[in-house]
PDB file of all heavy atoms in Angstrom:
ATOM      1  N   ASP A   1      12.139  -1.851  -4.915  1.00  0.00           N
ATOM      2  CA  ASP A   1      13.089  -2.892  -5.282  1.00  0.00           C
ATOM      3  C   ASP A   1      12.475  -4.209  -5.632  1.00  0.00           C
ATOM      4  O   ASP A   1      12.938  -5.015  -6.442  1.00  0.00           O
ATOM      5  CB  ASP A   1      14.194  -3.066  -4.264  1.00  0.00           C
ATOM      6  CG  ASP A   1      15.234  -1.926  -4.286  1.00  0.00           C
ATOM      7  OD1 ASP A   1      15.192  -1.086  -5.207  1.00  0.00           O
ATOM      8  OD2 ASP A   1      15.984  -1.801  -3.265  1.00  0.00           O
ATOM      9  N   ILE A   2      11.337  -4.508  -4.866  1.00  0.00           N
ATOM     10  CA  ILE A   2      10.621  -5.754  -5.118  1.00  0.00           C
ATOM     11  C   ILE A   2       9.709  -5.579  -6.397  1.00  0.00           C
ATOM     12  O   ILE A   2       9.633  -6.446  -7.197  1.00  0.00           O
ATOM     13  CB  ILE A   2       9.716  -6.111  -3.976  1.00  0.00           C
ATOM     14  CG1 ILE A   2      10.623  -6.477  -2.696  1.00  0.00           C
ATOM     15  CG2 ILE A   2       8.774  -7.289  -4.209  1.00  0.00           C
ATOM     16  CD1 ILE A   2       9.807  -6.713  -1.436  1.00  0.00           C
ATOM     17  N   TRP A   3       9.127  -4.387  -6.505  1.00  0.00           N
ATOM     18  CA  TRP A   3       8.160  -4.123  -7.554  1.00  0.00           C
ATOM     19  C   TRP A   3       8.841  -4.036  -8.968  1.00  0.00           C
ATOM     20  O   TRP A   3       8.298  -4.611  -9.932  1.00  0.00           O
ATOM     21  CB  TRP A   3       7.482  -2.797  -7.237  1.00  0.00           C
ATOM     22  CG  TRP A   3       6.675  -2.165  -8.298  1.00  0.00           C
ATOM     23  CD1 TRP A   3       6.989  -1.151  -9.179  1.00  0.00           C
ATOM     24  CD2 TRP A   3       5.295  -2.484  -8.622  1.00  0.00           C
ATOM     25  NE1 TRP A   3       5.938  -0.865  -9.991  1.00  0.00           N
ATOM     26  CE2 TRP A   3       4.914  -1.648  -9.640  1.00  0.00           C
ATOM     27  CE3 TRP A   3       4.386  -3.414  -8.186  1.00  0.00           C
ATOM     28  CZ2 TRP A   3       3.578  -1.675 -10.254  1.00  0.00           C
ATOM     29  CZ3 TRP A   3       3.143  -3.463  -8.677  1.00  0.00           C
ATOM     30  CH2 TRP A   3       2.731  -2.654  -9.760  1.00  0.00           C
ATOM     31  N   GLN A   4       9.987  -3.386  -9.105  1.00  0.00           N
ATOM     32  CA  GLN A   4      10.534  -3.106 -10.444  1.00  0.00           C
ATOM     33  C   GLN A   4      10.893  -4.508 -11.189  1.00  0.00           C
ATOM     34  O   GLN A   4      10.674  -4.637 -12.380  1.00  0.00           O
ATOM     35  CB  GLN A   4      11.762  -2.272 -10.343  1.00  0.00           C
ATOM     36  CG  GLN A   4      11.445  -0.841  -9.996  1.00  0.00           C
ATOM     37  CD  GLN A   4      10.482  -0.175 -10.962  1.00  0.00           C
ATOM     38  OE1 GLN A   4      10.463  -0.440 -12.197  1.00  0.00           O
ATOM     39  NE2 GLN A   4       9.663   0.729 -10.434  1.00  0.00           N
ATOM     40  N   PRO A   5      11.447  -5.530 -10.536  1.00  0.00           N
ATOM     41  CA  PRO A   5      11.651  -6.792 -11.193  1.00  0.00           C
ATOM     42  C   PRO A   5      10.404  -7.409 -11.703  1.00  0.00           C
ATOM     43  O   PRO A   5      10.378  -8.120 -12.734  1.00  0.00           O
ATOM     44  CB  PRO A   5      12.382  -7.681 -10.140  1.00  0.00           C
ATOM     45  CG  PRO A   5      13.023  -6.716  -9.252  1.00  0.00           C
ATOM     46  CD  PRO A   5      12.037  -5.562  -9.114  1.00  0.00           C
ATOM     47  N   LEU A   6       9.279  -7.215 -11.001  1.00  0.00           N
ATOM     48  CA  LEU A   6       7.997  -7.718 -11.441  1.00  0.00           C
ATOM     49  C   LEU A   6       7.524  -7.018 -12.692  1.00  0.00           C
ATOM     50  O   LEU A   6       7.038  -7.673 -13.627  1.00  0.00           O
ATOM     51  CB  LEU A   6       6.993  -7.604 -10.296  1.00  0.00           C
ATOM     52  CG  LEU A   6       7.213  -8.369  -8.981  1.00  0.00           C
ATOM     53  CD1 LEU A   6       6.248  -7.889  -7.942  1.00  0.00           C
ATOM     54  CD2 LEU A   6       7.092  -9.830  -9.273  1.00  0.00           C
ATOM     55  N   VAL A   7       7.727  -5.690 -12.722  1.00  0.00           N
ATOM     56  CA  VAL A   7       7.295  -4.917 -13.921  1.00  0.00           C
ATOM     57  C   VAL A   7       8.204  -5.390 -15.119  1.00  0.00           C
ATOM     58  O   VAL A   7       7.749  -5.569 -16.174  1.00  0.00           O
ATOM     59  CB  VAL A   7       7.420  -3.442 -13.699  1.00  0.00           C
ATOM     60  CG1 VAL A   7       7.171  -2.665 -14.891  1.00  0.00           C
ATOM     61  CG2 VAL A   7       6.508  -3.015 -12.584  1.00  0.00           C
ATOM     62  N   SER A   8       9.495  -5.515 -14.881  1.00  0.00           N
ATOM     63  CA  SER A   8      10.404  -6.018 -15.911  1.00  0.00           C
ATOM     64  C   SER A   8      10.038  -7.366 -16.455  1.00  0.00           C
ATOM     65  O   SER A   8       9.928  -7.600 -17.685  1.00  0.00           O
ATOM     66  CB  SER A   8      11.863  -5.933 -15.438  1.00  0.00           C
ATOM     67  OG  SER A   8      12.230  -4.611 -15.091  1.00  0.00           O
ATOM     68  N   ALA A   9       9.686  -8.218 -15.512  1.00  0.00           N
ATOM     69  CA  ALA A   9       9.280  -9.603 -15.911  1.00  0.00           C
ATOM     70  C   ALA A   9       8.019  -9.594 -16.705  1.00  0.00           C
ATOM     71  O   ALA A   9       7.898 -10.323 -17.750  1.00  0.00           O
ATOM     72  CB  ALA A   9       9.175 -10.443 -14.700  1.00  0.00           C
ATOM     73  N   SER A  10       7.042  -8.758 -16.263  1.00  0.00           N
ATOM     74  CA  SER A  10       5.773  -8.695 -17.006  1.00  0.00           C
ATOM     75  C   SER A  10       6.022  -8.158 -18.411  1.00  0.00           C
ATOM     76  O   SER A  10       5.351  -8.568 -19.328  1.00  0.00           O
ATOM     77  CB  SER A  10       4.861  -7.827 -16.178  1.00  0.00           C
ATOM     78  OG  SER A  10       3.559  -7.988 -16.626  1.00  0.00           O
ATOM     79  N   THR A  11       6.949  -7.223 -18.499  1.00  0.00           N
ATOM     80  CA  THR A  11       7.295  -6.676 -19.849  1.00  0.00           C
ATOM     81  C   THR A  11       7.855  -7.728 -20.759  1.00  0.00           C
ATOM     82  O   THR A  11       7.425  -7.879 -21.916  1.00  0.00           O
ATOM     83  CB  THR A  11       8.274  -5.466 -19.725  1.00  0.00           C
ATOM     84  OG1 THR A  11       7.681  -4.452 -18.895  1.00  0.00           O
ATOM     85  CG2 THR A  11       8.587  -4.869 -21.078  1.00  0.00           C
ATOM     86  N   ARG A  12       8.784  -8.539 -20.222  1.00  0.00           N
ATOM     87  CA  ARG A  12       9.421  -9.548 -21.043  1.00  0.00           C
ATOM     88  C   ARG A  12       8.389 -10.598 -21.449  1.00  0.00           C
ATOM     89  O   ARG A  12       8.507 -11.176 -22.523  1.00  0.00           O
ATOM     90  CB  ARG A  12      10.542 -10.301 -20.215  1.00  0.00           C
ATOM     91  CG  ARG A  12      11.729  -9.413 -19.922  1.00  0.00           C
ATOM     92  CD  ARG A  12      12.912 -10.268 -19.469  1.00  0.00           C
ATOM     93  NE  ARG A  12      12.571 -11.006 -18.233  1.00  0.00           N
ATOM     94  CZ  ARG A  12      12.771 -10.482 -17.005  1.00  0.00           C
ATOM     95  NH1 ARG A  12      13.276  -9.342 -16.861  1.00  0.00           N
ATOM     96  NH2 ARG A  12      12.491 -11.279 -15.942  1.00  0.00           N
ATOM     97  N   MET A  13       7.335 -10.870 -20.621  1.00  0.00           N
ATOM     98  CA  MET A  13       6.370 -11.841 -20.981  1.00  0.00           C
ATOM     99  C   MET A  13       5.263 -11.294 -21.864  1.00  0.00           C
ATOM    100  O   MET A  13       4.424 -12.085 -22.342  1.00  0.00           O
ATOM    101  CB  MET A  13       5.717 -12.330 -19.615  1.00  0.00           C
ATOM    102  CG  MET A  13       6.677 -13.042 -18.707  1.00  0.00           C
ATOM    103  SD  MET A  13       5.996 -13.308 -17.071  1.00  0.00           S
ATOM    104  CE  MET A  13       4.636 -14.382 -17.417  1.00  0.00           C
ATOM    105  N   GLY A  14       5.421 -10.084 -22.229  1.00  0.00           N
ATOM    106  CA  GLY A  14       4.451  -9.429 -23.165  1.00  0.00           C
ATOM    107  C   GLY A  14       3.119  -8.995 -22.513  1.00  0.00           C
ATOM    108  O   GLY A  14       2.176  -8.689 -23.221  1.00  0.00           O
ATOM    109  N   ASN A  15       3.084  -8.921 -21.163  1.00  0.00           N
ATOM    110  CA  ASN A  15       1.881  -8.503 -20.464  1.00  0.00           C
ATOM    111  C   ASN A  15       1.625  -6.995 -20.584  1.00  0.00           C
ATOM    112  O   ASN A  15       0.509  -6.577 -20.479  1.00  0.00           O
ATOM    113  CB  ASN A  15       1.878  -8.846 -19.034  1.00  0.00           C
ATOM    114  CG  ASN A  15       1.945 -10.441 -18.825  1.00  0.00           C
ATOM    115  OD1 ASN A  15       1.448 -11.189 -19.743  1.00  0.00           O
ATOM    116  ND2 ASN A  15       2.498 -10.904 -17.729  1.00  0.00           N
ATOM    117  N   LEU A  16       2.796  -6.234 -20.692  1.00  0.00           N
ATOM    118  CA  LEU A  16       2.581  -4.778 -20.805  1.00  0.00           C
ATOM    119  C   LEU A  16       2.617  -4.473 -22.233  1.00  0.00           C
ATOM    120  O   LEU A  16       3.658  -4.374 -22.967  1.00  0.00           O
ATOM    121  CB  LEU A  16       3.793  -4.093 -20.061  1.00  0.00           C
ATOM    122  CG  LEU A  16       3.618  -3.753 -18.626  1.00  0.00           C
ATOM    123  CD1 LEU A  16       3.587  -5.040 -17.813  1.00  0.00           C
ATOM    124  CD2 LEU A  16       4.707  -2.865 -18.133  1.00  0.00           C
ATOM    125  N   GLY A  17       1.387  -4.270 -22.844  1.00  0.00           N
ATOM    126  CA  GLY A  17       1.324  -3.856 -24.233  1.00  0.00           C
ATOM    127  C   GLY A  17       1.881  -2.491 -24.490  1.00  0.00           C
ATOM    128  O   GLY A  17       2.002  -1.697 -23.551  1.00  0.00           O
ATOM    129  N   GLU A  18       2.201  -2.271 -25.740  1.00  0.00           N
ATOM    130  CA  GLU A  18       2.732  -0.905 -26.037  1.00  0.00           C
ATOM    131  C   GLU A  18       1.744   0.145 -25.719  1.00  0.00           C
ATOM    132  O   GLU A  18       2.161   1.352 -25.525  1.00  0.00           O
ATOM    133  CB  GLU A  18       3.118  -0.861 -27.553  1.00  0.00           C
ATOM    134  CG  GLU A  18       4.317  -1.726 -27.904  1.00  0.00           C
ATOM    135  CD  GLU A  18       5.590  -1.408 -27.212  1.00  0.00           C
ATOM    136  OE1 GLU A  18       5.751  -0.159 -27.000  1.00  0.00           O
ATOM    137  OE2 GLU A  18       6.314  -2.289 -26.821  1.00  0.00           O
ATOM    138  N   ASP A  19       0.452  -0.221 -25.690  1.00  0.00           N
ATOM    139  CA  ASP A  19      -0.538   0.882 -25.418  1.00  0.00           C
ATOM    140  C   ASP A  19      -0.495   1.389 -23.962  1.00  0.00           C
ATOM    141  O   ASP A  19      -0.883   2.476 -23.670  1.00  0.00           O
ATOM    142  CB  ASP A  19      -1.998   0.322 -25.706  1.00  0.00           C
ATOM    143  CG  ASP A  19      -2.258  -1.009 -25.055  1.00  0.00           C
ATOM    144  OD1 ASP A  19      -1.318  -1.602 -24.584  1.00  0.00           O
ATOM    145  OD2 ASP A  19      -3.475  -1.419 -24.999  1.00  0.00           O
ATOM    146  N   ILE A  20      -0.044   0.503 -23.058  1.00  0.00           N
ATOM    147  CA  ILE A  20      -0.088   0.938 -21.683  1.00  0.00           C
ATOM    148  C   ILE A  20       1.380   1.042 -21.041  1.00  0.00           C
ATOM    149  O   ILE A  20       1.514   1.682 -19.996  1.00  0.00           O
ATOM    150  CB  ILE A  20      -0.931  -0.019 -20.766  1.00  0.00           C
ATOM    151  CG1 ILE A  20      -0.289  -1.421 -20.673  1.00  0.00           C
ATOM    152  CG2 ILE A  20      -2.374   0.007 -21.247  1.00  0.00           C
ATOM    153  CD1 ILE A  20      -0.982  -2.324 -19.743  1.00  0.00           C
ATOM    154  N   LYS A  21       2.332   0.512 -21.714  1.00  0.00           N
ATOM    155  CA  LYS A  21       3.656   0.426 -21.168  1.00  0.00           C
ATOM    156  C   LYS A  21       4.209   1.793 -20.767  1.00  0.00           C
ATOM    157  O   LYS A  21       4.766   2.001 -19.685  1.00  0.00           O
ATOM    158  CB  LYS A  21       4.645  -0.251 -22.128  1.00  0.00           C
ATOM    159  CG  LYS A  21       6.067  -0.370 -21.644  1.00  0.00           C
ATOM    160  CD  LYS A  21       6.909  -1.001 -22.702  1.00  0.00           C
ATOM    161  CE  LYS A  21       8.365  -1.060 -22.252  1.00  0.00           C
ATOM    162  NZ  LYS A  21       9.236  -1.709 -23.325  1.00  0.00           N
ATOM    163  N   ASP A  22       4.057   2.735 -21.695  1.00  0.00           N
ATOM    164  CA  ASP A  22       4.595   4.058 -21.411  1.00  0.00           C
ATOM    165  C   ASP A  22       3.569   5.112 -20.941  1.00  0.00           C
ATOM    166  O   ASP A  22       3.989   6.248 -20.646  1.00  0.00           O
ATOM    167  CB  ASP A  22       5.303   4.680 -22.736  1.00  0.00           C
ATOM    168  CG  ASP A  22       6.412   3.813 -23.175  1.00  0.00           C
ATOM    169  OD1 ASP A  22       7.191   3.273 -22.302  1.00  0.00           O
ATOM    170  OD2 ASP A  22       6.626   3.589 -24.404  1.00  0.00           O
ATOM    171  N   ARG A  23       2.349   4.702 -20.915  1.00  0.00           N
ATOM    172  CA  ARG A  23       1.265   5.649 -20.555  1.00  0.00           C
ATOM    173  C   ARG A  23       0.768   5.441 -19.111  1.00  0.00           C
ATOM    174  O   ARG A  23       0.149   6.362 -18.493  1.00  0.00           O
ATOM    175  CB  ARG A  23       0.115   5.550 -21.501  1.00  0.00           C
ATOM    176  CG  ARG A  23       0.578   5.916 -22.906  1.00  0.00           C
ATOM    177  CD  ARG A  23      -0.591   5.796 -23.850  1.00  0.00           C
ATOM    178  NE  ARG A  23      -1.587   6.864 -23.628  1.00  0.00           N
ATOM    179  CZ  ARG A  23      -2.718   7.022 -24.305  1.00  0.00           C
ATOM    180  NH1 ARG A  23      -3.033   6.169 -25.274  1.00  0.00           N
ATOM    181  NH2 ARG A  23      -3.645   8.017 -24.027  1.00  0.00           N
ATOM    182  N   PHE A  24       1.052   4.321 -18.507  1.00  0.00           N
ATOM    183  CA  PHE A  24       0.608   4.062 -17.069  1.00  0.00           C
ATOM    184  C   PHE A  24       1.816   4.412 -16.172  1.00  0.00           C
ATOM    185  O   PHE A  24       2.955   4.408 -16.585  1.00  0.00           O
ATOM    186  CB  PHE A  24       0.182   2.641 -16.857  1.00  0.00           C
ATOM    187  CG  PHE A  24      -1.310   2.376 -17.309  1.00  0.00           C
ATOM    188  CD1 PHE A  24      -1.962   3.314 -18.003  1.00  0.00           C
ATOM    189  CD2 PHE A  24      -1.839   1.166 -16.953  1.00  0.00           C
ATOM    190  CE1 PHE A  24      -3.313   3.055 -18.368  1.00  0.00           C
ATOM    191  CE2 PHE A  24      -3.155   0.968 -17.334  1.00  0.00           C
ATOM    192  CZ  PHE A  24      -3.900   1.873 -17.986  1.00  0.00           C
ATOM    193  N   ALA A  25       1.507   4.631 -14.927  1.00  0.00           N
ATOM    194  CA  ALA A  25       2.488   5.080 -13.949  1.00  0.00           C
ATOM    195  C   ALA A  25       3.500   4.001 -13.514  1.00  0.00           C
ATOM    196  O   ALA A  25       4.586   4.197 -13.260  1.00  0.00           O
ATOM    197  CB  ALA A  25       1.825   5.725 -12.811  1.00  0.00           C
ATOM    198  N   TRP A  26       2.981   2.798 -13.289  1.00  0.00           N
ATOM    199  CA  TRP A  26       3.728   1.631 -12.688  1.00  0.00           C
ATOM    200  C   TRP A  26       4.408   2.072 -11.448  1.00  0.00           C
ATOM    201  O   TRP A  26       5.614   1.961 -11.271  1.00  0.00           O
ATOM    202  CB  TRP A  26       4.681   1.068 -13.743  1.00  0.00           C
ATOM    203  CG  TRP A  26       4.038   0.813 -15.085  1.00  0.00           C
ATOM    204  CD1 TRP A  26       4.321   1.424 -16.205  1.00  0.00           C
ATOM    205  CD2 TRP A  26       2.971  -0.186 -15.352  1.00  0.00           C
ATOM    206  NE1 TRP A  26       3.480   0.907 -17.211  1.00  0.00           N
ATOM    207  CE2 TRP A  26       2.652  -0.016 -16.675  1.00  0.00           C
ATOM    208  CE3 TRP A  26       2.303  -1.104 -14.507  1.00  0.00           C
ATOM    209  CZ2 TRP A  26       1.674  -0.776 -17.283  1.00  0.00           C
ATOM    210  CZ3 TRP A  26       1.334  -1.790 -15.143  1.00  0.00           C
ATOM    211  CH2 TRP A  26       0.985  -1.679 -16.498  1.00  0.00           C
ATOM    212  N   GLU A  27       3.646   2.616 -10.489  1.00  0.00           N
ATOM    213  CA  GLU A  27       4.167   3.209  -9.348  1.00  0.00           C
ATOM    214  C   GLU A  27       3.504   2.616  -8.061  1.00  0.00           C
ATOM    215  O   GLU A  27       2.315   2.750  -7.841  1.00  0.00           O
ATOM    216  CB  GLU A  27       3.874   4.696  -9.378  1.00  0.00           C
ATOM    217  CG  GLU A  27       4.403   5.534  -8.193  1.00  0.00           C
ATOM    218  CD  GLU A  27       3.983   6.982  -8.292  1.00  0.00           C
ATOM    219  OE1 GLU A  27       4.259   7.532  -9.431  1.00  0.00           O
ATOM    220  OE2 GLU A  27       3.515   7.490  -7.266  1.00  0.00           O
ATOM    221  N   PRO A  28       4.319   2.023  -7.173  1.00  0.00           N
ATOM    222  CA  PRO A  28       3.725   1.547  -5.807  1.00  0.00           C
ATOM    223  C   PRO A  28       3.757   2.771  -4.892  1.00  0.00           C
ATOM    224  O   PRO A  28       4.582   3.707  -5.052  1.00  0.00           O
ATOM    225  CB  PRO A  28       4.672   0.477  -5.420  1.00  0.00           C
ATOM    226  CG  PRO A  28       5.987   0.904  -5.960  1.00  0.00           C
ATOM    227  CD  PRO A  28       5.705   1.583  -7.281  1.00  0.00           C
ATOM    228  N   PHE A  29       2.898   2.755  -3.892  1.00  0.00           N
ATOM    229  CA  PHE A  29       2.980   3.743  -2.844  1.00  0.00           C
ATOM    230  C   PHE A  29       2.564   3.082  -1.542  1.00  0.00           C
ATOM    231  O   PHE A  29       1.937   2.121  -1.488  1.00  0.00           O
ATOM    232  CB  PHE A  29       2.163   4.964  -3.191  1.00  0.00           C
ATOM    233  CG  PHE A  29       0.678   4.735  -3.270  1.00  0.00           C
ATOM    234  CD1 PHE A  29      -0.183   4.880  -2.159  1.00  0.00           C
ATOM    235  CD2 PHE A  29       0.050   4.331  -4.490  1.00  0.00           C
ATOM    236  CE1 PHE A  29      -1.586   4.650  -2.301  1.00  0.00           C
ATOM    237  CE2 PHE A  29      -1.258   4.054  -4.612  1.00  0.00           C
ATOM    238  CZ  PHE A  29      -2.057   4.276  -3.487  1.00  0.00           C
ATOM    239  N   LEU A  30       2.952   3.756  -0.419  1.00  0.00           N
ATOM    240  CA  LEU A  30       2.718   3.200   0.906  1.00  0.00           C
ATOM    241  C   LEU A  30       1.621   3.982   1.640  1.00  0.00           C
ATOM    242  O   LEU A  30       1.429   5.134   1.540  1.00  0.00           O
ATOM    243  CB  LEU A  30       4.046   3.378   1.765  1.00  0.00           C
ATOM    244  CG  LEU A  30       5.260   2.607   1.248  1.00  0.00           C
ATOM    245  CD1 LEU A  30       6.552   3.052   2.009  1.00  0.00           C
ATOM    246  CD2 LEU A  30       5.107   1.093   1.414  1.00  0.00           C
ATOM    247  N   VAL A  31       0.832   3.141   2.423  1.00  0.00           N
ATOM    248  CA  VAL A  31      -0.255   3.723   3.194  1.00  0.00           C
ATOM    249  C   VAL A  31       0.023   3.387   4.649  1.00  0.00           C
ATOM    250  O   VAL A  31       0.209   2.192   5.030  1.00  0.00           O
ATOM    251  CB  VAL A  31      -1.650   3.068   2.773  1.00  0.00           C
ATOM    252  CG1 VAL A  31      -2.778   3.713   3.617  1.00  0.00           C
ATOM    253  CG2 VAL A  31      -1.841   3.379   1.312  1.00  0.00           C
ATOM    254  N   ARG A  32       0.028   4.391   5.526  1.00  0.00           N
ATOM    255  CA  ARG A  32       0.195   4.171   6.946  1.00  0.00           C
ATOM    256  C   ARG A  32      -1.111   3.559   7.567  1.00  0.00           C
ATOM    257  O   ARG A  32      -2.036   4.361   7.897  1.00  0.00           O
ATOM    258  CB  ARG A  32       0.523   5.463   7.667  1.00  0.00           C
ATOM    259  CG  ARG A  32       0.987   5.241   9.099  1.00  0.00           C
ATOM    260  CD  ARG A  32       0.893   6.564   9.928  1.00  0.00           C
ATOM    261  NE  ARG A  32       1.721   7.621   9.322  1.00  0.00           N
ATOM    262  CZ  ARG A  32       2.980   7.852   9.526  1.00  0.00           C
ATOM    263  NH1 ARG A  32       3.665   7.055  10.361  1.00  0.00           N
ATOM    264  NH2 ARG A  32       3.611   8.864   8.998  1.00  0.00           N
ATOM    265  N   ASP A  33      -1.256   2.293   7.571  1.00  0.00           N
ATOM    266  CA  ASP A  33      -2.425   1.630   8.071  1.00  0.00           C
ATOM    267  C   ASP A  33      -2.089   0.236   8.577  1.00  0.00           C
ATOM    268  O   ASP A  33      -1.254  -0.477   7.901  1.00  0.00           O
ATOM    269  CB  ASP A  33      -3.460   1.510   6.951  1.00  0.00           C
ATOM    270  CG  ASP A  33      -4.861   1.287   7.511  1.00  0.00           C
ATOM    271  OD1 ASP A  33      -5.076   0.270   8.164  1.00  0.00           O
ATOM    272  OD2 ASP A  33      -5.781   2.124   7.285  1.00  0.00           O
ATOM    273  N   ARG A  34      -2.614  -0.134   9.806  1.00  0.00           N
ATOM    274  CA  ARG A  34      -2.269  -1.414  10.389  1.00  0.00           C
ATOM    275  C   ARG A  34      -2.908  -2.555   9.716  1.00  0.00           C
ATOM    276  O   ARG A  34      -2.565  -3.714   9.958  1.00  0.00           O
ATOM    277  CB  ARG A  34      -2.713  -1.380  11.836  1.00  0.00           C
ATOM    278  CG  ARG A  34      -1.906  -0.391  12.695  1.00  0.00           C
ATOM    279  CD  ARG A  34      -2.432  -0.358  14.110  1.00  0.00           C
ATOM    280  NE  ARG A  34      -3.822   0.257  14.151  1.00  0.00           N
ATOM    281  CZ  ARG A  34      -4.627   0.284  15.216  1.00  0.00           C
ATOM    282  NH1 ARG A  34      -4.232  -0.297  16.326  1.00  0.00           N
ATOM    283  NH2 ARG A  34      -5.807   0.807  15.100  1.00  0.00           N
ATOM    284  N   SER A  35      -4.024  -2.322   8.893  1.00  0.00           N
ATOM    285  CA  SER A  35      -4.695  -3.430   8.281  1.00  0.00           C
ATOM    286  C   SER A  35      -3.879  -4.067   7.158  1.00  0.00           C
ATOM    287  O   SER A  35      -2.958  -3.451   6.610  1.00  0.00           O
ATOM    288  CB  SER A  35      -6.008  -3.001   7.745  1.00  0.00           C
ATOM    289  OG  SER A  35      -5.894  -1.950   6.758  1.00  0.00           O
ATOM    290  N   VAL A  36      -4.145  -5.374   6.876  1.00  0.00           N
ATOM    291  CA  VAL A  36      -3.441  -6.090   5.880  1.00  0.00           C
ATOM    292  C   VAL A  36      -4.158  -5.901   4.537  1.00  0.00           C
ATOM    293  O   VAL A  36      -5.267  -6.415   4.297  1.00  0.00           O
ATOM    294  CB  VAL A  36      -3.328  -7.607   6.214  1.00  0.00           C
ATOM    295  CG1 VAL A  36      -2.694  -8.418   5.130  1.00  0.00           C
ATOM    296  CG2 VAL A  36      -2.596  -7.739   7.578  1.00  0.00           C
ATOM    297  N   ASN A  37      -3.516  -5.097   3.650  1.00  0.00           N
ATOM    298  CA  ASN A  37      -4.261  -4.759   2.419  1.00  0.00           C
ATOM    299  C   ASN A  37      -3.294  -4.269   1.334  1.00  0.00           C
ATOM    300  O   ASN A  37      -2.226  -3.797   1.674  1.00  0.00           O
ATOM    301  CB  ASN A  37      -5.318  -3.685   2.662  1.00  0.00           C
ATOM    302  CG  ASN A  37      -6.397  -3.723   1.595  1.00  0.00           C
ATOM    303  OD1 ASN A  37      -6.495  -4.559   0.769  1.00  0.00           O
ATOM    304  ND2 ASN A  37      -7.281  -2.703   1.618  1.00  0.00           N
ATOM    305  N   ALA A  38      -3.711  -4.491   0.119  1.00  0.00           N
ATOM    306  CA  ALA A  38      -3.045  -3.936  -1.025  1.00  0.00           C
ATOM    307  C   ALA A  38      -4.148  -3.712  -2.128  1.00  0.00           C
ATOM    308  O   ALA A  38      -5.087  -4.458  -2.094  1.00  0.00           O
ATOM    309  CB  ALA A  38      -1.954  -4.771  -1.564  1.00  0.00           C
TER     310      ALA A  38
END
């Protein structure tokens, strides 16, 4: 829910070119780890 508005905003701003918009996954995933990382 946090990620999708960012993807939509990036699309509106023209950051997602047509070459990658439909070919990349645009998918977050979770890692069970105590460290602070992304």
